[in-house]
C-alpha cells in the first residue's frame, strides 16, 4: 500500500477525534476514494463508447434496404 496524507483544519480533526472509537477514518477515506475512482472510470468508459458509436454512420447506402429484401425473397 501507499501512503496518502491530507491536511485538515484543526477543528475538523478535533471533531473526527470525538468519533474515532466509532469510525475508522482511514477506511472511510479509502472507501470514498475507491468509489469515486469507480465512478470516474465508468464515466470515461461511457464517454469512450459514445465516441466510438458516434463515428459509426447511421444511414445505410441508398437502395440497400430494397436489395436486402429482394435477396431475402429470392433465397426462399
Protein backbone atom coordinates (compact mmCIF):
# COMPACT_ATOMS: atom_id res chain seq x y z
CA UNK A 1 0.00 0.00 0.00
CA UNK A 2 0.98 3.61 -0.48
CA UNK A 3 0.56 6.45 2.00
CA UNK A 4 -1.64 9.44 1.18
CA UNK A 5 -1.66 12.36 3.63
CA UNK A 6 -4.27 15.07 3.97
CA UNK A 7 -4.12 18.33 5.89
CA UNK A 8 -7.26 19.23 7.81
CA UNK A 9 -8.34 22.26 9.72
CA UNK A 10 -7.78 21.79 13.44
CA UNK A 11 -11.50 21.94 14.24
CA UNK A 12 -12.25 19.18 11.73
CA UNK A 13 -9.58 16.94 13.26
CA UNK A 14 -10.95 17.59 16.75
CA UNK A 15 -14.45 16.66 15.59
CA UNK A 16 -13.12 13.49 13.97
CA UNK A 17 -11.31 12.59 17.18
CA UNK A 18 -14.64 12.64 19.04
CA UNK A 19 -15.82 9.73 16.88
CA UNK A 20 -12.60 7.77 16.42
CA UNK A 21 -13.96 4.94 18.58
CA UNK A 22 -16.95 4.60 16.25
CA UNK A 23 -15.46 5.48 12.88
CA UNK A 24 -12.33 4.14 11.21
CA UNK A 25 -11.49 7.30 9.29
CA UNK A 26 -8.77 5.65 7.19
CA UNK A 27 -11.27 3.05 5.95
CA UNK A 28 -13.88 5.74 5.31
CA UNK A 29 -11.48 7.82 3.22
CA UNK A 30 -10.12 4.75 1.41
CA UNK A 31 -13.64 3.57 0.55
CA UNK A 32 -14.64 7.05 -0.64
CA UNK A 33 -11.59 7.33 -2.92
CA UNK A 34 -12.15 3.85 -4.38
CA UNK A 35 -15.85 4.57 -5.01
CA UNK A 36 -15.04 7.92 -6.61
CA UNK A 37 -12.45 6.29 -8.88
CA UNK A 38 -15.00 3.67 -9.97
CA UNK A 39 -17.44 6.44 -10.92
CA UNK A 40 -14.77 8.39 -12.83
CA UNK A 41 -13.60 5.27 -14.68
CA UNK A 42 -17.19 4.40 -15.59
CA UNK A 43 -17.71 7.92 -16.94
CA UNK A 44 -14.54 7.58 -19.03
CA UNK A 45 -15.70 4.22 -20.39
CA UNK A 46 -19.12 5.60 -21.29
CA UNK A 47 -17.54 8.61 -22.98
CA UNK A 48 -15.24 6.31 -24.98
CA UNK A 49 -18.16 4.10 -26.10
CA UNK A 50 -20.24 7.13 -27.10
CA UNK A 51 -17.31 8.48 -29.15
CA UNK A 52 -16.90 5.13 -30.91
CA UNK A 53 -20.62 4.82 -31.58
CA UNK A 54 -20.82 8.37 -32.91
CA UNK A 55 -18.22 7.52 -35.54
CA UNK A 56 -20.46 4.77 -36.97
CA UNK A 57 -22.64 6.07 -39.81
CA UNK A 58 -26.33 5.80 -39.00
CA UNK A 59 -27.52 5.89 -42.59
CA UNK A 60 -27.32 2.90 -44.84
CA UNK A 61 -26.41 3.31 -48.51
CA UNK A 62 -29.34 4.27 -50.73
CA UNK A 63 -31.19 1.21 -52.01
CA UNK A 64 -29.62 -1.21 -49.56
CA UNK A 65 -32.99 -1.98 -47.91
CA UNK A 66 -34.55 -2.85 -51.26
CA UNK A 67 -31.59 -5.05 -52.14
CA UNK A 68 -31.72 -6.79 -48.77
CA UNK A 69 -35.44 -7.54 -49.06
CA UNK A 70 -35.01 -8.76 -52.65
CA UNK A 71 -32.12 -11.00 -51.63
CA UNK A 72 -34.17 -12.46 -48.77
CA UNK A 73 -37.16 -13.17 -51.03
CA UNK A 74 -35.01 -14.79 -53.69
CA UNK A 75 -33.32 -17.07 -51.16
CA UNK A 76 -36.62 -18.83 -50.36
